[in-house]
Structure formats: C-alpha cells, structure tokens
PDB file of N, CA and C in Angstrom:
ATOM      1  N   MET A   1     -21.415 -83.809   9.685  1.00  0.00           N
ATOM      2  CA  MET A   1     -23.003 -83.743   9.790  1.00  0.00           C
ATOM      3  C   MET A   1     -23.389 -85.301   9.955  1.00  0.00           C
ATOM      4  N   GLY A   2     -22.659 -86.167   9.101  1.00  0.00           N
ATOM      5  CA  GLY A   2     -22.978 -87.601   9.291  1.00  0.00           C
ATOM      6  C   GLY A   2     -22.602 -88.182  10.529  1.00  0.00           C
ATOM      7  N   LEU A   3     -21.484 -87.848  11.055  1.00  0.00           N
ATOM      8  CA  LEU A   3     -21.067 -88.037  12.359  1.00  0.00           C
ATOM      9  C   LEU A   3     -21.899 -87.771  13.468  1.00  0.00           C
ATOM     10  N   PHE A   4     -22.642 -86.492  13.402  1.00  0.00           N
ATOM     11  CA  PHE A   4     -23.683 -86.059  14.294  1.00  0.00           C
ATOM     12  C   PHE A   4     -24.763 -87.046  14.257  1.00  0.00           C
ATOM     13  N   ILE A   5     -25.253 -87.397  13.167  1.00  0.00           N
ATOM     14  CA  ILE A   5     -26.420 -88.280  12.994  1.00  0.00           C
ATOM     15  C   ILE A   5     -26.107 -89.639  13.502  1.00  0.00           C
ATOM     16  N   ILE A   6     -25.072 -90.183  13.236  1.00  0.00           N
ATOM     17  CA  ILE A   6     -24.628 -91.447  13.743  1.00  0.00           C
ATOM     18  C   ILE A   6     -24.671 -91.373  15.341  1.00  0.00           C
ATOM     19  N   GLY A   7     -23.885 -90.507  15.856  1.00  0.00           N
ATOM     20  CA  GLY A   7     -23.694 -90.420  17.282  1.00  0.00           C
ATOM     21  C   GLY A   7     -25.037 -90.147  17.994  1.00  0.00           C
ATOM     22  N   LEU A   8     -25.892 -89.326  17.355  1.00  0.00           N
ATOM     23  CA  LEU A   8     -27.179 -88.994  17.997  1.00  0.00           C
ATOM     24  C   LEU A   8     -28.123 -90.167  18.073  1.00  0.00           C
ATOM     25  N   VAL A   9     -28.193 -90.770  16.920  1.00  0.00           N
ATOM     26  CA  VAL A   9     -29.109 -91.921  16.889  1.00  0.00           C
ATOM     27  C   VAL A   9     -28.668 -93.133  17.615  1.00  0.00           C
ATOM     28  N   LEU A  10     -27.402 -93.447  17.618  1.00  0.00           N
ATOM     29  CA  LEU A  10     -26.846 -94.717  18.117  1.00  0.00           C
ATOM     30  C   LEU A  10     -26.158 -94.620  19.448  1.00  0.00           C
ATOM     31  N   PHE A  11     -26.316 -93.475  20.173  1.00  0.00           N
ATOM     32  CA  PHE A  11     -25.490 -93.244  21.479  1.00  0.00           C
ATOM     33  C   PHE A  11     -26.070 -94.106  22.604  1.00  0.00           C
ATOM     34  N   LYS A  12     -27.142 -94.580  22.488  1.00  0.00           N
ATOM     35  CA  LYS A  12     -27.667 -95.654  23.637  1.00  0.00           C
ATOM     36  C   LYS A  12     -27.273 -96.965  23.205  1.00  0.00           C
ATOM     37  N   SER A  13     -27.074 -97.274  21.976  1.00  0.00           N
ATOM     38  CA  SER A  13     -26.685 -98.609  21.590  1.00  0.00           C
ATOM     39  C   SER A  13     -25.300 -99.026  21.682  1.00  0.00           C
ATOM     40  N   TYR A  14     -24.361 -97.957  21.289  1.00  0.00           N
ATOM     41  CA  TYR A  14     -22.891 -98.293  21.291  1.00  0.00           C
ATOM     42  C   TYR A  14     -22.216 -97.233  22.089  1.00  0.00           C
ATOM     43  N   GLY A  15     -21.253 -97.664  22.802  1.00  0.00           N
ATOM     44  CA  GLY A  15     -20.359 -96.764  23.514  1.00  0.00           C
ATOM     45  C   GLY A  15     -19.572 -95.720  22.632  1.00  0.00           C
ATOM     46  N   TRP A  16     -19.055 -96.270  21.459  1.00  0.00           N
ATOM     47  CA  TRP A  16     -18.350 -95.264  20.585  1.00  0.00           C
ATOM     48  C   TRP A  16     -19.199 -94.285  19.903  1.00  0.00           C
ATOM     49  N   ALA A  17     -20.463 -94.464  19.955  1.00  0.00           N
ATOM     50  CA  ALA A  17     -21.503 -93.480  19.367  1.00  0.00           C
ATOM     51  C   ALA A  17     -21.402 -92.250  20.269  1.00  0.00           C
ATOM     52  N   THR A  18     -21.336 -92.358  21.491  1.00  0.00           N
ATOM     53  CA  THR A  18     -21.222 -91.206  22.346  1.00  0.00           C
ATOM     54  C   THR A  18     -20.022 -90.337  22.063  1.00  0.00           C
ATOM     55  N   ILE A  19     -18.845 -91.086  21.678  1.00  0.00           N
ATOM     56  CA  ILE A  19     -17.693 -90.312  21.330  1.00  0.00           C
ATOM     57  C   ILE A  19     -17.971 -89.610  20.100  1.00  0.00           C
ATOM     58  N   ALA A  20     -18.520 -90.419  19.062  1.00  0.00           N
ATOM     59  CA  ALA A  20     -18.755 -89.780  17.798  1.00  0.00           C
ATOM     60  C   ALA A  20     -19.564 -88.485  17.896  1.00  0.00           C
ATOM     61  N   LEU A  21     -20.714 -88.440  18.790  1.00  0.00           N
ATOM     62  CA  LEU A  21     -21.442 -87.313  19.016  1.00  0.00           C
ATOM     63  C   LEU A  21     -20.637 -86.194  19.573  1.00  0.00           C
ATOM     64  N   GLY A  22     -19.857 -86.543  20.539  1.00  0.00           N
ATOM     65  CA  GLY A  22     -18.988 -85.566  21.107  1.00  0.00           C
ATOM     66  C   GLY A  22     -17.910 -84.969  20.156  1.00  0.00           C
ATOM     67  N   LEU A  23     -17.412 -85.747  19.349  1.00  0.00           N
ATOM     68  CA  LEU A  23     -16.423 -85.154  18.296  1.00  0.00           C
ATOM     69  C   LEU A  23     -17.136 -84.390  17.214  1.00  0.00           C
ATOM     70  N   SER A  24     -18.373 -84.672  16.918  1.00  0.00           N
ATOM     71  CA  SER A  24     -19.246 -83.929  15.967  1.00  0.00           C
ATOM     72  C   SER A  24     -19.414 -82.441  16.542  1.00  0.00           C
ATOM     73  N   VAL A  25     -19.810 -82.466  17.897  1.00  0.00           N
ATOM     74  CA  VAL A  25     -20.069 -81.123  18.521  1.00  0.00           C
ATOM     75  C   VAL A  25     -18.789 -80.332  18.611  1.00  0.00           C
ATOM     76  N   ILE A  26     -17.742 -80.966  18.916  1.00  0.00           N
ATOM     77  CA  ILE A  26     -16.401 -80.276  18.943  1.00  0.00           C
ATOM     78  C   ILE A  26     -16.142 -79.742  17.697  1.00  0.00           C
ATOM     79  N   VAL A  27     -16.281 -80.490  16.496  1.00  0.00           N
ATOM     80  CA  VAL A  27     -16.045 -79.929  15.186  1.00  0.00           C
ATOM     81  C   VAL A  27     -17.039 -78.711  14.840  1.00  0.00           C
ATOM     82  N   PHE A  28     -18.169 -78.758  15.206  1.00  0.00           N
ATOM     83  CA  PHE A  28     -19.124 -77.677  14.965  1.00  0.00           C
ATOM     84  C   PHE A  28     -18.678 -76.458  15.772  1.00  0.00           C
ATOM     85  N   CYS A  29     -18.081 -76.571  16.891  1.00  0.00           N
ATOM     86  CA  CYS A  29     -17.518 -75.470  17.572  1.00  0.00           C
ATOM     87  C   CYS A  29     -16.315 -74.945  17.177  1.00  0.00           C
ATOM     88  N   VAL A  30     -15.407 -75.850  16.684  1.00  0.00           N
ATOM     89  CA  VAL A  30     -14.030 -75.390  16.268  1.00  0.00           C
ATOM     90  C   VAL A  30     -14.003 -74.778  14.776  1.00  0.00           C
ATOM     91  N   LEU A  31     -14.901 -75.101  13.979  1.00  0.00           N
ATOM     92  CA  LEU A  31     -14.773 -74.634  12.598  1.00  0.00           C
ATOM     93  C   LEU A  31     -15.048 -73.062  12.556  1.00  0.00           C
ATOM     94  N   PRO A  32     -16.080 -72.406  13.204  1.00  0.00           N
ATOM     95  CA  PRO A  32     -16.036 -70.917  13.308  1.00  0.00           C
ATOM     96  C   PRO A  32     -14.816 -70.354  13.805  1.00  0.00           C
ATOM     97  N   ILE A  33     -14.101 -70.898  14.866  1.00  0.00           N
ATOM     98  CA  ILE A  33     -12.868 -70.309  15.358  1.00  0.00           C
ATOM     99  C   ILE A  33     -11.882 -70.358  14.350  1.00  0.00           C
ATOM    100  N   LEU A  34     -11.794 -71.440  13.450  1.00  0.00           N
ATOM    101  CA  LEU A  34     -10.777 -71.682  12.618  1.00  0.00           C
ATOM    102  C   LEU A  34     -10.943 -70.602  11.446  1.00  0.00           C
ATOM    103  N   GLN A  35     -12.247 -70.302  11.124  1.00  0.00           N
ATOM    104  CA  GLN A  35     -12.460 -69.375  10.189  1.00  0.00           C
ATOM    105  C   GLN A  35     -12.052 -67.956  10.477  1.00  0.00           C
ATOM    106  N   SER A  36     -12.244 -67.564  11.899  1.00  0.00           N
ATOM    107  CA  SER A  36     -12.115 -66.177  12.367  1.00  0.00           C
ATOM    108  C   SER A  36     -10.563 -65.944  12.329  1.00  0.00           C
ATOM    109  N   ARG A  37      -9.771 -66.902  12.644  1.00  0.00           N
ATOM    110  CA  ARG A  37      -8.420 -66.745  12.683  1.00  0.00           C
ATOM    111  C   ARG A  37      -7.700 -66.607  11.288  1.00  0.00           C
ATOM    112  N   ARG A  38      -8.346 -67.063  10.287  1.00  0.00           N
ATOM    113  CA  ARG A  38      -7.755 -66.873   8.875  1.00  0.00           C
ATOM    114  C   ARG A  38      -8.020 -65.377   8.329  1.00  0.00           C
ATOM    115  N   SER A  39      -9.093 -64.844   8.749  1.00  0.00           N
ATOM    116  CA  SER A  39      -9.430 -63.511   8.207  1.00  0.00           C
ATOM    117  C   SER A  39     -10.099 -62.777   9.165  1.00  0.00           C
ATOM    118  N   ARG A  40     -10.205 -61.499   8.917  1.00  0.00           N
ATOM    119  CA  ARG A  40     -10.859 -60.612   9.911  1.00  0.00           C
ATOM    120  C   ARG A  40     -12.224 -60.426   9.562  1.00  0.00           C
ATOM    121  N   VAL A  41     -12.529 -60.642   8.435  1.00  0.00           N
ATOM    122  CA  VAL A  41     -13.939 -60.627   8.029  1.00  0.00           C
ATOM    123  C   VAL A  41     -14.629 -61.937   7.841  1.00  0.00           C
ATOM    124  N   ILE A  42     -15.680 -62.015   8.706  1.00  0.00           N
ATOM    125  CA  ILE A  42     -16.522 -63.308   8.743  1.00  0.00           C
ATOM    126  C   ILE A  42     -17.786 -63.175   7.985  1.00  0.00           C
ATOM    127  N   LEU A  43     -18.096 -63.880   6.971  1.00  0.00           N
ATOM    128  CA  LEU A  43     -19.486 -63.758   6.493  1.00  0.00           C
ATOM    129  C   LEU A  43     -20.052 -65.093   6.612  1.00  0.00           C
ATOM    130  N   ASP A  44     -21.186 -65.211   7.387  1.00  0.00           N
ATOM    131  CA  ASP A  44     -21.993 -66.338   7.707  1.00  0.00           C
ATOM    132  C   ASP A  44     -22.814 -66.783   6.513  1.00  0.00           C
ATOM    133  N   VAL A  45     -22.517 -67.748   5.748  1.00  0.00           N
ATOM    134  CA  VAL A  45     -23.291 -68.172   4.707  1.00  0.00           C
ATOM    135  C   VAL A  45     -24.696 -68.714   5.198  1.00  0.00           C
ATOM    136  N   TYR A  46     -24.939 -68.954   6.393  1.00  0.00           N
ATOM    137  CA  TYR A  46     -26.283 -69.443   6.851  1.00  0.00           C
ATOM    138  C   TYR A  46     -27.342 -68.282   7.030  1.00  0.00           C
ATOM    139  N   THR A  47     -26.688 -67.082   7.374  1.00  0.00           N
ATOM    140  CA  THR A  47     -27.781 -66.001   7.736  1.00  0.00           C
ATOM    141  C   THR A  47     -27.647 -64.878   6.691  1.00  0.00           C
ATOM    142  N   HIS A  48     -26.598 -64.842   5.826  1.00  0.00           N
ATOM    143  CA  HIS A  48     -26.344 -63.757   4.907  1.00  0.00           C
ATOM    144  C   HIS A  48     -27.561 -63.750   3.952  1.00  0.00           C
ATOM    145  N   PRO A  49     -28.040 -62.595   3.486  1.00  0.00           N
ATOM    146  CA  PRO A  49     -29.208 -62.624   2.602  1.00  0.00           C
ATOM    147  C   PRO A  49     -28.784 -63.219   1.291  1.00  0.00           C
ATOM    148  N   GLY A  50     -27.623 -63.179   0.814  1.00  0.00           N
ATOM    149  CA  GLY A  50     -27.198 -63.734  -0.525  1.00  0.00           C
ATOM    150  C   GLY A  50     -27.373 -65.259  -0.506  1.00  0.00           C
ATOM    151  N   SER A  51     -27.298 -65.928   0.511  1.00  0.00           N
ATOM    152  CA  SER A  51     -27.358 -67.460   0.537  1.00  0.00           C
ATOM    153  C   SER A  51     -28.424 -67.961   1.435  1.00  0.00           C
ATOM    154  N   ARG A  52     -29.230 -67.240   1.997  1.00  0.00           N
ATOM    155  CA  ARG A  52     -30.266 -67.645   3.024  1.00  0.00           C
ATOM    156  C   ARG A  52     -31.155 -68.757   2.610  1.00  0.00           C
ATOM    157  N   LEU A  53     -31.718 -68.546   1.380  1.00  0.00           N
ATOM    158  CA  LEU A  53     -32.675 -69.682   0.978  1.00  0.00           C
ATOM    159  C   LEU A  53     -32.058 -70.857   0.872  1.00  0.00           C
ATOM    160  N   VAL A  54     -30.835 -70.998   0.297  1.00  0.00           N
ATOM    161  CA  VAL A  54     -30.203 -72.277   0.307  1.00  0.00           C
ATOM    162  C   VAL A  54     -29.982 -73.036   1.674  1.00  0.00           C
ATOM    163  N   ALA A  55     -29.433 -71.994   2.484  1.00  0.00           N
ATOM    164  CA  ALA A  55     -29.146 -72.424   4.002  1.00  0.00           C
ATOM    165  C   ALA A  55     -30.418 -72.943   4.646  1.00  0.00           C
ATOM    166  N   VAL A  56     -31.539 -72.168   4.351  1.00  0.00           N
ATOM    167  CA  VAL A  56     -32.801 -72.769   4.923  1.00  0.00           C
ATOM    168  C   VAL A  56     -33.198 -74.045   4.475  1.00  0.00           C
ATOM    169  N   LEU A  57     -33.027 -74.310   3.141  1.00  0.00           N
ATOM    170  CA  LEU A  57     -33.379 -75.566   2.492  1.00  0.00           C
ATOM    171  C   LEU A  57     -32.413 -76.666   3.075  1.00  0.00           C
ATOM    172  N   TYR A  58     -31.092 -76.294   3.149  1.00  0.00           N
ATOM    173  CA  TYR A  58     -30.091 -77.274   3.649  1.00  0.00           C
ATOM    174  C   TYR A  58     -30.512 -77.587   5.130  1.00  0.00           C
ATOM    175  N   LEU A  59     -30.733 -76.645   5.928  1.00  0.00           N
ATOM    176  CA  LEU A  59     -31.013 -76.972   7.458  1.00  0.00           C
ATOM    177  C   LEU A  59     -32.227 -77.717   7.538  1.00  0.00           C
ATOM    178  N   GLY A  60     -33.344 -77.378   6.738  1.00  0.00           N
ATOM    179  CA  GLY A  60     -34.622 -78.121   6.760  1.00  0.00           C
ATOM    180  C   GLY A  60     -34.345 -79.530   6.332  1.00  0.00           C
ATOM    181  N   ALA A  61     -33.626 -79.670   5.285  1.00  0.00           N
ATOM    182  CA  ALA A  61     -33.302 -81.018   4.910  1.00  0.00           C
ATOM    183  C   ALA A  61     -32.475 -81.891   5.890  1.00  0.00           C
ATOM    184  N   PHE A  62     -31.596 -81.180   6.570  1.00  0.00           N
ATOM    185  CA  PHE A  62     -30.815 -81.971   7.523  1.00  0.00           C
ATOM    186  C   PHE A  62     -31.663 -82.300   8.759  1.00  0.00           C
ATOM    187  N   ALA A  63     -32.430 -81.337   9.224  1.00  0.00           N
ATOM    188  CA  ALA A  63     -33.383 -81.700  10.176  1.00  0.00           C
ATOM    189  C   ALA A  63     -34.369 -82.911   9.967  1.00  0.00           C
ATOM    190  N   ALA A  64     -34.786 -82.977   8.639  1.00  0.00           N
ATOM    191  CA  ALA A  64     -35.804 -83.952   8.331  1.00  0.00           C
ATOM    192  C   ALA A  64     -34.941 -85.286   8.205  1.00  0.00           C
ATOM    193  N   LEU A  65     -33.695 -85.133   7.781  1.00  0.00           N
ATOM    194  CA  LEU A  65     -32.793 -86.509   7.989  1.00  0.00           C
ATOM    195  C   LEU A  65     -32.639 -87.053   9.365  1.00  0.00           C
ATOM    196  N   VAL A  66     -32.343 -85.998  10.224  1.00  0.00           N
ATOM    197  CA  VAL A  66     -32.034 -86.523  11.599  1.00  0.00           C
ATOM    198  C   VAL A  66     -33.466 -86.983  12.257  1.00  0.00           C
ATOM    199  N   ALA A  67     -34.620 -86.444  11.979  1.00  0.00           N
ATOM    200  CA  ALA A  67     -35.912 -86.974  12.346  1.00  0.00           C
ATOM    201  C   ALA A  67     -36.272 -88.278  11.845  1.00  0.00           C
ATOM    202  N   ALA A  68     -36.017 -88.425  10.541  1.00  0.00           N
ATOM    203  CA  ALA A  68     -36.229 -89.619   9.850  1.00  0.00           C
ATOM    204  C   ALA A  68     -35.400 -90.672  10.282  1.00  0.00           C
ATOM    205  N   ALA A  69     -34.098 -90.452  10.585  1.00  0.00           N
ATOM    206  CA  ALA A  69     -33.219 -91.579  11.213  1.00  0.00           C
ATOM    207  C   ALA A  69     -33.585 -91.936  12.468  1.00  0.00           C
ATOM    208  N   LEU A  70     -34.021 -90.903  13.393  1.00  0.00           N
ATOM    209  CA  LEU A  70     -34.311 -91.209  14.795  1.00  0.00           C
ATOM    210  C   LEU A  70     -35.642 -92.179  14.803  1.00  0.00           C
ATOM    211  N   SER A  71     -36.640 -91.700  13.983  1.00  0.00           N
ATOM    212  CA  SER A  71     -37.899 -92.353  13.894  1.00  0.00           C
ATOM    213  C   SER A  71     -37.843 -93.723  13.313  1.00  0.00           C
ATOM    214  N   ILE A  72     -37.093 -93.803  12.157  1.00  0.00           N
ATOM    215  CA  ILE A  72     -37.065 -95.302  11.534  1.00  0.00           C
ATOM    216  C   ILE A  72     -36.294 -96.131  12.418  1.00  0.00           C
ATOM    217  N   HIS A  73     -35.158 -95.608  13.045  1.00  0.00           N
ATOM    218  CA  HIS A  73     -34.338 -96.530  13.841  1.00  0.00           C
ATOM    219  C   HIS A  73     -34.893 -96.974  15.138  1.00  0.00           C
ATOM    220  N   SER A  74     -35.777 -96.124  15.769  1.00  0.00           N
ATOM    221  CA  SER A  74     -36.526 -96.420  16.917  1.00  0.00           C
ATOM    222  C   SER A  74     -37.454 -97.540  16.628  1.00  0.00           C
ATOM    223  N   VAL A  75     -38.304 -97.445  15.336  1.00  0.00           N
ATOM    224  CA  VAL A  75     -39.332 -98.500  14.977  1.00  0.00           C
ATOM    225  C   VAL A  75     -38.555 -99.847  14.551  1.00  0.00           C
ATOM    226  N   THR A  76     -37.597 -99.780  13.720  1.00  0.00           N
ATOM    227  CA  THR A  76     -36.978-101.010  13.155  1.00  0.00           C
ATOM    228  C   THR A  76     -35.748-101.465  13.933  1.00  0.00           C
ATOM    229  N   GLY A  77     -34.943-100.666  14.497  1.00  0.00           N
ATOM    230  CA  GLY A  77     -33.771-101.066  15.281  1.00  0.00           C
ATOM    231  C   GLY A  77     -32.710-101.323  14.325  1.00  0.00           C
ATOM    232  N   ASN A  78     -32.860-100.912  12.946  1.00  0.00           N
ATOM    233  CA  ASN A  78     -31.881-101.256  11.889  1.00  0.00           C
ATOM    234  C   ASN A  78     -30.727-100.123  11.894  1.00  0.00           C
ATOM    235  N   ASP A  79     -29.577-100.583  12.169  1.00  0.00           N
ATOM    236  CA  ASP A  79     -28.422 -99.509  12.083  1.00  0.00           C
ATOM    237  C   ASP A  79     -28.198 -99.202  10.681  1.00  0.00           C
ATOM    238  N   LEU A  80     -28.446 -99.797   9.742  1.00  0.00           N
ATOM    239  CA  LEU A  80     -28.047 -99.452   8.262  1.00  0.00           C
ATOM    240  C   LEU A  80     -28.810 -98.222   7.813  1.00  0.00           C
ATOM    241  N   VAL A  81     -30.074 -98.068   8.296  1.00  0.00           N
ATOM    242  CA  VAL A  81     -30.791 -96.695   8.142  1.00  0.00           C
ATOM    243  C   VAL A  81     -30.057 -95.490   8.818  1.00  0.00           C
ATOM    244  N   VAL A  82     -29.392 -95.583   9.772  1.00  0.00           N
ATOM    245  CA  VAL A  82     -28.573 -94.465  10.434  1.00  0.00           C
ATOM    246  C   VAL A  82     -27.421 -94.235   9.437  1.00  0.00           C
ATOM    247  N   TYR A  83     -26.768 -95.322   9.024  1.00  0.00           N
ATOM    248  CA  TYR A  83     -25.620 -95.115   8.148  1.00  0.00           C
ATOM    249  C   TYR A  83     -25.978 -94.582   6.862  1.00  0.00           C
ATOM    250  N   LEU A  84     -27.195 -94.906   6.299  1.00  0.00           N
ATOM    251  CA  LEU A  84     -27.690 -94.328   4.985  1.00  0.00           C
ATOM    252  C   LEU A  84     -27.947 -92.797   5.257  1.00  0.00           C
ATOM    253  N   ALA A  85     -28.534 -92.480   6.410  1.00  0.00           N
ATOM    254  CA  ALA A  85     -28.830 -91.092   6.655  1.00  0.00           C
ATOM    255  C   ALA A  85     -27.769 -90.210   6.787  1.00  0.00           C
ATOM    256  N   ALA A  86     -26.642 -90.811   7.430  1.00  0.00           N
ATOM    257  CA  ALA A  86     -25.330 -90.029   7.677  1.00  0.00           C
ATOM    258  C   ALA A  86     -24.762 -89.836   6.214  1.00  0.00           C
ATOM    259  N   LEU A  87     -24.801 -90.846   5.272  1.00  0.00           N
ATOM    260  CA  LEU A  87     -24.335 -90.687   3.909  1.00  0.00           C
ATOM    261  C   LEU A  87     -25.154 -89.614   3.190  1.00  0.00           C
ATOM    262  N   MET A  88     -26.372 -89.620   3.343  1.00  0.00           N
ATOM    263  CA  MET A  88     -27.192 -88.632   2.758  1.00  0.00           C
ATOM    264  C   MET A  88     -26.821 -87.252   3.252  1.00  0.00           C
ATOM    265  N   ALA A  89     -26.479 -87.158   4.558  1.00  0.00           N
ATOM    266  CA  ALA A  89     -26.218 -85.868   5.148  1.00  0.00           C
ATOM    267  C   ALA A  89     -24.972 -85.314   4.502  1.00  0.00           C
ATOM    268  N   PHE A  90     -23.973 -86.344   4.367  1.00  0.00           N
ATOM    269  CA  PHE A  90     -22.648 -85.895   3.797  1.00  0.00           C
ATOM    270  C   PHE A  90     -22.828 -85.325   2.381  1.00  0.00           C
ATOM    271  N   VAL A  91     -23.749 -86.018   1.575  1.00  0.00           N
ATOM    272  CA  VAL A  91     -23.920 -85.620   0.143  1.00  0.00           C
ATOM    273  C   VAL A  91     -24.541 -84.263   0.105  1.00  0.00           C
ATOM    274  N   LEU A  92     -25.464 -84.186   1.062  1.00  0.00           N
ATOM    275  CA  LEU A  92     -26.179 -82.766   1.179  1.00  0.00           C
ATOM    276  C   LEU A  92     -25.262 -81.720   1.509  1.00  0.00           C
ATOM    277  N   THR A  93     -24.346 -82.006   2.394  1.00  0.00           N
ATOM    278  CA  THR A  93     -23.417 -81.063   2.813  1.00  0.00           C
ATOM    279  C   THR A  93     -22.586 -80.558   1.579  1.00  0.00           C
ATOM    280  N   VAL A  94     -22.090 -81.632   0.868  1.00  0.00           N
ATOM    281  CA  VAL A  94     -21.097 -81.392  -0.249  1.00  0.00           C
ATOM    282  C   VAL A  94     -21.888 -80.606  -1.364  1.00  0.00           C
ATOM    283  N   LEU A  95     -23.039 -80.778  -1.466  1.00  0.00           N
ATOM    284  CA  LEU A  95     -23.931 -80.163  -2.545  1.00  0.00           C
ATOM    285  C   LEU A  95     -24.167 -78.757  -2.144  1.00  0.00           C
ATOM    286  N   CYS A  96     -24.814 -78.532  -0.900  1.00  0.00           N
ATOM    287  CA  CYS A  96     -25.229 -77.235  -0.463  1.00  0.00           C
ATOM    288  C   CYS A  96     -24.199 -76.304   0.029  1.00  0.00           C
ATOM    289  N   GLY A  97     -23.105 -76.824   0.569  1.00  0.00           N
ATOM    290  CA  GLY A  97     -21.992 -75.908   1.069  1.00  0.00           C
ATOM    291  C   GLY A  97     -21.467 -75.088  -0.035  1.00  0.00           C
ATOM    292  N   PRO A  98     -21.071 -75.591  -1.153  1.00  0.00           N
ATOM    293  CA  PRO A  98     -20.540 -74.755  -2.243  1.00  0.00           C
ATOM    294  C   PRO A  98     -21.647 -73.975  -2.867  1.00  0.00           C
ATOM    295  N   ALA A  99     -22.913 -74.441  -2.898  1.00  0.00           N
ATOM    296  CA  ALA A  99     -24.064 -73.749  -3.512  1.00  0.00           C
ATOM    297  C   ALA A  99     -24.185 -72.430  -2.641  1.00  0.00           C
ATOM    298  N   MET A 100     -24.159 -72.633  -1.373  1.00  0.00           N
ATOM    299  CA  MET A 100     -24.254 -71.378  -0.501  1.00  0.00           C
ATOM    300  C   MET A 100     -23.212 -70.202  -0.633  1.00  0.00           C
ATOM    301  N   GLU A 101     -21.957 -70.811  -0.737  1.00  0.00           N
ATOM    302  CA  GLU A 101     -20.790 -69.897  -1.045  1.00  0.00           C
ATOM    303  C   GLU A 101     -20.865 -69.300  -2.341  1.00  0.00           C
ATOM    304  N   THR A 102     -21.266 -69.996  -3.255  1.00  0.00           N
ATOM    305  CA  THR A 102     -21.418 -69.415  -4.718  1.00  0.00           C
ATOM    306  C   THR A 102     -22.564 -68.319  -4.766  1.00  0.00           C
ATOM    307  N   LYS A 103     -23.803 -68.555  -4.147  1.00  0.00           N
ATOM    308  CA  LYS A 103     -24.741 -67.456  -4.091  1.00  0.00           C
ATOM    309  C   LYS A 103     -24.389 -66.350  -3.291  1.00  0.00           C
ATOM    310  N   LEU A 104     -23.598 -66.628  -2.111  1.00  0.00           N
ATOM    311  CA  LEU A 104     -23.077 -65.526  -1.445  1.00  0.00           C
ATOM    312  C   LEU A 104     -21.911 -64.644  -2.289  1.00  0.00           C
ATOM    313  N   ALA A 105     -21.098 -65.266  -2.968  1.00  0.00           N
ATOM    314  CA  ALA A 105     -20.246 -64.593  -3.679  1.00  0.00           C
ATOM    315  C   ALA A 105     -20.771 -63.782  -4.783  1.00  0.00           C
ATOM    316  N   ARG A 106     -21.805 -64.309  -5.433  1.00  0.00           N
ATOM    317  CA  ARG A 106     -22.493 -63.676  -6.420  1.00  0.00           C
ATOM    318  C   ARG A 106     -23.278 -62.508  -5.996  1.00  0.00           C
ATOM    319  N   TRP A 107     -23.819 -62.603  -4.794  1.00  0.00           N
ATOM    320  CA  TRP A 107     -24.423 -61.529  -4.137  1.00  0.00           C
ATOM    321  C   TRP A 107     -23.598 -60.444  -3.854  1.00  0.00           C
ATOM    322  N   LEU A 108     -22.296 -60.801  -3.389  1.00  0.00           N
ATOM    323  CA  LEU A 108     -21.337 -59.722  -2.788  1.00  0.00           C
ATOM    324  C   LEU A 108     -20.763 -59.049  -4.056  1.00  0.00           C
ATOM    325  N   ARG A 109     -20.544 -59.786  -5.213  1.00  0.00           N
ATOM    326  CA  ARG A 109     -20.097 -59.113  -6.322  1.00  0.00           C
ATOM    327  C   ARG A 109     -21.138 -58.174  -6.952  1.00  0.00           C
ATOM    328  N   ALA A 110     -22.424 -58.367  -6.742  1.00  0.00           N
ATOM    329  CA  ALA A 110     -23.577 -57.597  -7.392  1.00  0.00           C
ATOM    330  C   ALA A 110     -23.756 -56.346  -6.534  1.00  0.00           C
ATOM    331  N   SER A 111     -23.369 -56.361  -5.272  1.00  0.00           N
ATOM    332  CA  SER A 111     -23.642 -55.166  -4.377  1.00  0.00           C
ATOM    333  C   SER A 111     -22.508 -54.287  -4.369  1.00  0.00           C
TER     334      SER A 111
END
C-alpha cells in the first residue's frame, strides 16, 4: 500500500517511482491468485459481512491518505510528506488486516 502511494504521487518526479507503481499494481493482482491456489475456499475480508465495517474504515482511511499525499505534495513539493503517508498506510494495513481477519473468523464461528 505504501509503495502504491509513493509510486502514484512521485511518478512524474522520479523514473523509479513508475516502477514502484507498477510493482504495487502487480502485487495487488498476484495476492488473490496466491490465495486461491492455497485453498479452494476464498473468503474476501473486504466484502464479507463479518468484517465489512472494518474494511470500509480501512479503505476510507487509505483513500484519505492517498488524497492527502497527492494534495500536500502538489502544494509543497515536499517528498517527505509522501514517505510519511506511505508509512502511515503500512501501519494502517498492519493494524486493519488482522482486525478484519479476526472479525471474519469470529463471525464464521458464530454462524
């Protein structure tokens, strides 16, 4: 997620940022394929009712981080803002990912 923010915001400034954006898109596409090869049952934590609220909060916060990074960088031109937003996206992902999985597991056990 952080690599996506860095690549998206800095792709016009640095050549390597375009590669970072491309790599993040590839990772987004490969992760679901890896999940489907491990098991026959795929539960999407983003759309499943057991974890939907946390997923909506996560995606909303991530969209706000992307918008803030794009806006602040375009006004100030400060690259540090982009790296801080990427770090915040990493922390957000580390916190929300397990929370979504825990809520989903709890919901599945209860049903």
